[in-house]
Protein backbone atom coordinates (compact mmCIF):
# COMPACT_ATOMS: atom_id res chain seq x y z
CA MET A 1 1.37 11.03 33.01
CA GLY A 2 1.15 10.19 28.95
CA VAL A 3 -1.47 8.06 27.83
CA HIS A 4 0.55 5.45 26.50
CA ASP A 5 2.87 5.48 29.45
CA GLY A 6 4.18 1.79 29.48
CA LYS A 7 3.22 1.29 26.11
CA VAL A 8 5.52 -0.18 23.06
CA ALA A 9 4.76 0.89 19.83
CA LEU A 10 6.18 -0.36 16.46
CA VAL A 11 5.72 2.09 13.40
CA THR A 12 6.56 1.32 9.63
CA GLY A 13 7.73 4.06 7.23
CA GLY A 14 8.60 6.09 10.55
CA ALA A 15 11.54 8.37 8.99
CA SER A 16 9.37 10.85 7.41
CA GLY A 17 6.20 12.40 6.46
CA ILE A 18 2.85 11.11 8.50
CA GLY A 19 5.12 7.98 9.85
CA LYS A 20 7.58 10.32 11.71
CA GLY A 21 4.54 12.45 13.12
CA ILE A 22 2.94 9.23 14.50
CA VAL A 23 6.83 8.34 16.07
CA GLU A 24 7.18 11.62 17.55
CA ARG A 25 3.45 11.62 18.86
CA PHE A 26 3.56 8.43 20.46
CA LEU A 27 6.98 9.51 22.39
CA ALA A 28 5.14 12.35 23.65
CA ASP A 29 2.45 10.51 24.75
CA GLY A 30 4.78 8.21 26.63
CA ALA A 31 5.39 5.16 24.77
CA SER A 32 8.90 3.34 23.78
CA VAL A 33 8.97 3.36 20.39
CA VAL A 34 10.61 1.62 17.21
CA SER A 35 10.78 3.31 13.73
CA PHE A 36 10.98 1.10 11.17
CA ASP A 37 12.04 2.17 7.25
CA LEU A 38 14.39 1.80 4.71
CA LYS A 39 16.19 4.93 5.92
CA PRO A 40 17.56 5.74 9.62
CA THR A 41 14.82 7.64 11.45
CA ALA A 42 16.40 11.13 12.93
CA ILE A 43 14.58 12.06 15.97
CA ASP A 44 15.58 13.71 19.15
CA ALA A 45 14.67 11.36 21.69
CA PRO A 46 15.47 9.27 24.77
CA LYS A 47 17.85 6.51 23.71
CA ASP A 48 16.10 3.92 26.46
CA ARG A 49 12.22 4.78 24.73
CA PHE A 50 13.61 4.89 20.90
CA LEU A 51 14.79 2.61 18.50
CA SER A 52 15.43 3.47 14.86
CA LEU A 53 15.50 -0.14 12.65
CA GLU A 54 16.47 -0.03 8.91
CA GLY A 55 14.58 -2.51 6.65
CA ASN A 56 12.21 -3.29 3.88
CA ALA A 57 8.39 -3.43 4.99
CA CYS A 58 7.97 -5.62 2.42
CA ASP A 59 10.30 -8.38 3.20
CA GLU A 60 8.74 -11.09 5.30
CA ALA A 61 11.92 -11.48 7.25
CA ALA A 62 13.12 -7.92 7.91
CA VAL A 63 9.39 -7.67 9.23
CA ASN A 64 9.70 -10.58 11.22
CA LYS A 65 12.59 -9.79 12.56
CA ALA A 66 11.81 -6.11 13.42
CA VAL A 67 9.02 -7.37 15.78
CA ALA A 68 11.26 -9.74 17.36
CA ASP A 69 14.16 -6.80 17.76
CA THR A 70 10.87 -4.76 19.49
CA VAL A 71 10.58 -6.92 21.92
CA SER A 72 14.09 -7.99 22.60
CA ARG A 73 15.05 -4.12 23.31
CA PHE A 74 11.42 -3.33 24.95
CA GLY A 75 9.93 -6.64 26.01
CA CYS A 76 6.52 -6.40 24.34
CA LEU A 77 4.48 -5.23 21.53
CA ASP A 78 1.50 -3.09 22.46
CA VAL A 79 0.66 -0.92 19.28
CA MET A 80 1.67 -1.54 15.56
CA VAL A 81 1.10 1.02 13.28
CA CYS A 82 1.82 -0.07 9.63
CA ASN A 83 2.29 3.12 7.76
CA ALA A 84 4.96 2.29 5.28
CA GLY A 85 3.64 3.38 1.74
CA VAL A 86 4.23 4.77 -1.70
CA ILE A 87 2.26 6.50 -4.56
CA ALA A 88 3.02 7.41 -8.26
CA ILE A 89 0.69 8.99 -10.94
CA THR A 90 0.19 7.55 -14.34
CA PRO A 91 -2.77 6.79 -16.37
CA VAL A 92 -3.80 3.18 -16.65
CA VAL A 93 -3.20 3.14 -20.33
CA GLU A 94 0.40 4.41 -19.74
CA MET A 95 1.53 2.33 -16.89
CA ASP A 96 3.76 -0.34 -16.79
CA PHE A 97 3.24 -3.42 -14.97
CA ALA A 98 6.30 -2.99 -12.73
CA GLU A 99 4.72 0.30 -11.56
CA TRP A 100 1.42 -1.29 -11.03
CA ARG A 101 3.24 -4.22 -8.75
CA ARG A 102 5.21 -1.35 -7.03
CA VAL A 103 2.54 0.78 -5.72
CA THR A 104 0.39 -2.23 -4.79
CA GLU A 105 2.66 -4.66 -3.33
CA VAL A 106 4.24 -1.80 -0.94
CA ASN A 107 0.91 -0.60 0.18
CA MET A 108 -0.83 -3.95 0.43
CA HIS A 109 2.09 -6.16 1.64
CA SER A 110 3.74 -4.11 4.18
CA ILE A 111 0.41 -4.08 5.83
CA PHE A 112 -0.07 -7.55 5.54
CA LEU A 113 3.31 -8.47 6.77
CA GLY A 114 3.28 -6.13 9.58
CA ALA A 115 0.01 -6.71 10.97
CA ARG A 116 0.25 -10.35 10.67
CA ALA A 117 3.98 -10.60 12.53
CA ALA A 118 2.33 -8.01 15.21
CA ALA A 119 -0.88 -10.21 15.66
CA ARG A 120 1.21 -13.30 16.02
CA GLN A 121 3.41 -11.50 19.01
CA MET A 122 -0.03 -9.87 20.95
CA ILE A 123 -1.70 -13.45 20.70
CA LYS A 124 1.59 -15.15 22.29
CA GLN A 125 1.61 -12.11 25.19
CA GLY A 126 -2.21 -12.99 25.91
CA ARG A 127 -3.00 -9.31 26.44
CA GLY A 128 -4.68 -7.85 23.64
CA GLY A 129 -3.15 -4.97 21.37
CA VAL A 130 -3.87 -2.74 19.02
CA ILE A 131 -3.00 -2.46 15.09
CA VAL A 132 -3.23 0.55 12.96
CA ASN A 133 -2.98 0.26 8.99
CA ALA A 134 -2.24 3.17 6.74
CA SER A 135 -5.47 3.54 3.85
CA SER A 136 -6.20 6.74 2.35
CA GLY A 137 -9.24 9.10 1.18
CA ALA A 138 -8.35 7.36 -2.10
CA GLY A 139 -9.38 4.18 -0.56
CA ARG A 140 -13.05 5.30 -0.53
CA ARG A 141 -13.09 6.53 -4.23
CA GLY A 142 -11.43 6.08 -7.64
CA ALA A 143 -9.48 9.06 -8.71
CA PRO A 144 -8.21 9.31 -12.34
CA ASN A 145 -4.31 8.81 -12.55
CA LEU A 146 -4.31 7.22 -9.16
CA SER A 147 -5.76 3.55 -10.12
CA HIS A 148 -3.07 1.32 -8.17
CA TYR A 149 -2.98 3.82 -5.45
CA CYS A 150 -6.49 3.85 -4.92
CA ALA A 151 -6.80 -0.02 -5.27
CA SER A 152 -4.19 -0.51 -2.86
CA LYS A 153 -5.54 1.64 -0.26
CA ALA A 154 -9.35 0.01 -0.42
CA ALA A 155 -7.56 -3.18 0.10
CA ALA A 156 -6.23 -1.53 3.23
CA ILE A 157 -9.74 -1.14 4.44
CA GLY A 158 -10.95 -4.47 3.50
CA PHE A 159 -7.99 -6.14 5.17
CA THR A 160 -8.56 -4.01 8.51
CA GLN A 161 -12.41 -5.24 8.33
CA SER A 162 -11.75 -8.87 8.06
CA LEU A 163 -8.55 -8.39 10.54
CA ALA A 164 -10.39 -6.96 13.41
CA ILE A 165 -13.48 -9.79 12.98
CA GLU A 166 -10.50 -12.18 13.39
CA LEU A 167 -8.69 -11.06 16.22
CA ALA A 168 -11.74 -9.64 18.64
CA LYS A 169 -11.36 -12.96 20.32
CA HIS A 170 -8.05 -12.09 21.31
CA ARG A 171 -8.92 -8.40 22.11
CA ILE A 172 -6.64 -7.24 19.63
CA ARG A 173 -8.33 -4.07 17.98
CA VAL A 174 -7.80 -3.39 14.18
CA ASN A 175 -8.51 -0.09 12.68
CA CYS A 176 -6.96 2.13 9.73
CA TYR A 177 -6.89 5.74 8.98
CA THR A 178 -7.94 7.20 6.05
CA PRO A 179 -5.92 10.80 5.47
CA GLY A 180 -7.08 13.39 3.04
CA HIS A 181 -4.56 16.03 1.60
CA ILE A 182 -1.44 15.95 3.96
CA GLN A 183 1.48 18.20 3.79
CA THR A 184 4.30 15.57 3.39
CA PRO A 185 7.60 15.27 1.25
CA PHE A 186 5.24 13.32 -1.05
CA TRP A 187 3.53 16.47 -2.32
CA LYS A 188 6.53 17.46 -4.74
CA ASP A 189 6.31 13.97 -6.37
CA ILE A 190 2.64 14.28 -6.79
CA SER A 191 2.24 17.70 -7.73
CA GLU A 192 4.86 16.90 -10.49
CA GLY A 193 3.35 14.11 -11.54
CA PHE A 194 -0.16 15.53 -11.89
CA SER A 195 1.28 18.31 -13.76
CA ARG A 196 3.08 15.84 -16.29
CA VAL A 197 -0.19 14.10 -17.07
CA THR A 198 -2.39 17.12 -17.17
CA GLY A 199 -0.22 20.15 -18.28
CA LYS A 200 -1.04 22.37 -15.43
CA SER A 201 1.76 23.94 -13.19
CA PRO A 202 2.85 22.51 -10.02
CA ASP A 203 1.61 25.12 -8.09
CA ASP A 204 -2.15 24.98 -9.69
CA ILE A 205 -2.23 21.29 -8.97
CA VAL A 206 -1.79 22.14 -5.16
CA LYS A 207 -4.05 24.85 -5.45
CA GLY A 208 -6.50 22.58 -7.09
CA PHE A 209 -6.25 19.94 -4.34
CA MET A 210 -6.27 22.68 -1.66
CA ASP A 211 -9.48 24.24 -3.25
CA THR A 212 -11.35 20.40 -2.43
CA VAL A 213 -10.77 20.89 1.34
CA PRO A 214 -13.44 23.13 3.12
CA TRP A 215 -11.35 23.27 6.21
CA GLY A 216 -8.95 25.57 4.22
CA ARG A 217 -5.80 24.09 4.68
CA PHE A 218 -3.62 20.94 3.85
CA GLY A 219 -3.54 18.56 6.89
CA THR A 220 -0.40 17.91 8.79
CA PRO A 221 1.87 14.92 10.27
CA ALA A 222 0.74 15.94 13.84
CA ASP A 223 -3.03 15.86 12.68
CA VAL A 224 -3.11 12.29 11.64
CA ALA A 225 -0.86 11.47 14.49
CA ALA A 226 -3.04 12.71 17.33
CA ALA A 227 -6.15 10.56 15.68
CA VAL A 228 -3.48 7.44 15.46
CA SER A 229 -2.64 7.98 18.91
CA TRP A 230 -6.66 8.19 20.31
CA ILE A 231 -7.06 4.80 18.44
CA ALA A 232 -4.73 3.28 20.64
CA THR A 233 -5.93 4.11 23.79
CA PRO A 234 -8.52 2.44 26.17
CA ASP A 235 -10.83 5.47 25.71
CA ALA A 236 -11.28 3.91 22.00
CA GLU A 237 -11.52 0.25 23.33
CA TYR A 238 -14.69 -0.17 21.55
CA ILE A 239 -13.59 0.83 18.26
CA SER A 240 -12.26 -2.02 15.69
CA GLY A 241 -12.77 -2.59 12.06
CA GLN A 242 -13.38 1.16 11.26
CA ALA A 243 -11.46 3.51 8.50
CA ILE A 244 -11.08 6.71 10.27
CA ALA A 245 -10.59 9.93 8.21
CA MET A 246 -8.83 13.25 9.26
CA ASN A 247 -9.42 15.31 6.01
CA GLY A 248 -10.63 18.81 7.07
CA ALA A 249 -14.36 17.74 6.06
CA GLU A 250 -13.31 16.89 2.45
CA LEU A 251 -15.58 14.24 0.94
CA PRO A 252 -15.79 11.61 1.35
CA PHE A 253 -15.87 11.21 5.09
C-alpha cells in the first residue's frame, strides 16, 4: 500500500529536475499524477495513473485547463505542487528589466495561478487538500547576482504563509519547500552564469557552492521529492504555512 493510494497530484514543471523527481515519487507512493510543463514529461509510468500535459505555468487559461483536465481524467485533485521556476545570474546594475520580469513572473505568477486554481477545485470538492509551493534557500537571505531570484523565492514564502491562513477553514494545507543546492540541469547555467560575473571557472564555482554544504554533497531531486511527498501525507496534517528546508545543514535552515 502506498501512502498516496487513491490520491491525485498535479505537478507543474514536472518534466525535469526537482519536478520530475516529485512526479516519480508520487507515482511510487501510489498517486495518480499529472505533470504540466512546457515540454512533454518522459517517464515510464502506468498509463492509467499518469498524464503529461504541455503548457505554460504562467498562462492563466492554461493553468485552469490543466486543473480541469486533471479532474476530467482522474476525477479529483488532492495535491497541487507548484514547482515551475527559472533562475538567472546577473548583477542588478547590469540587469535588463526584461530579465527581472521573466524571473519574477515565472517564479511568482506560476505559484499564484497554480495555487489559486487548485484551491478553487479543492474547495468545490469539500474534503480539503494539500498545496505545496516551490521556494528556495535563496528566499531566506539575499545573494549577490541573484536579486530577482531571491526576491521571487521570498515572495513564495510570504504567499504560502498568507494562503495557509486563508484556506485553513477549508482544511486545505499550504506549505513550501526551500531546497539548498540540488543537482539538477540548472547547474550548468548557474555555474556558467557565476563564472561570467566572477571570472572563476565553472568547476571552481561548483566547488565553492559544495564547500558551503556541511553534509558534503549536493542534494538530489529525490531528496526534495521525499520531503514533498511526506508533507502531503496525513502524518503532516497539522503542518501548514511552513517553509521546509532540505539543504544538508547549509545555513539558513
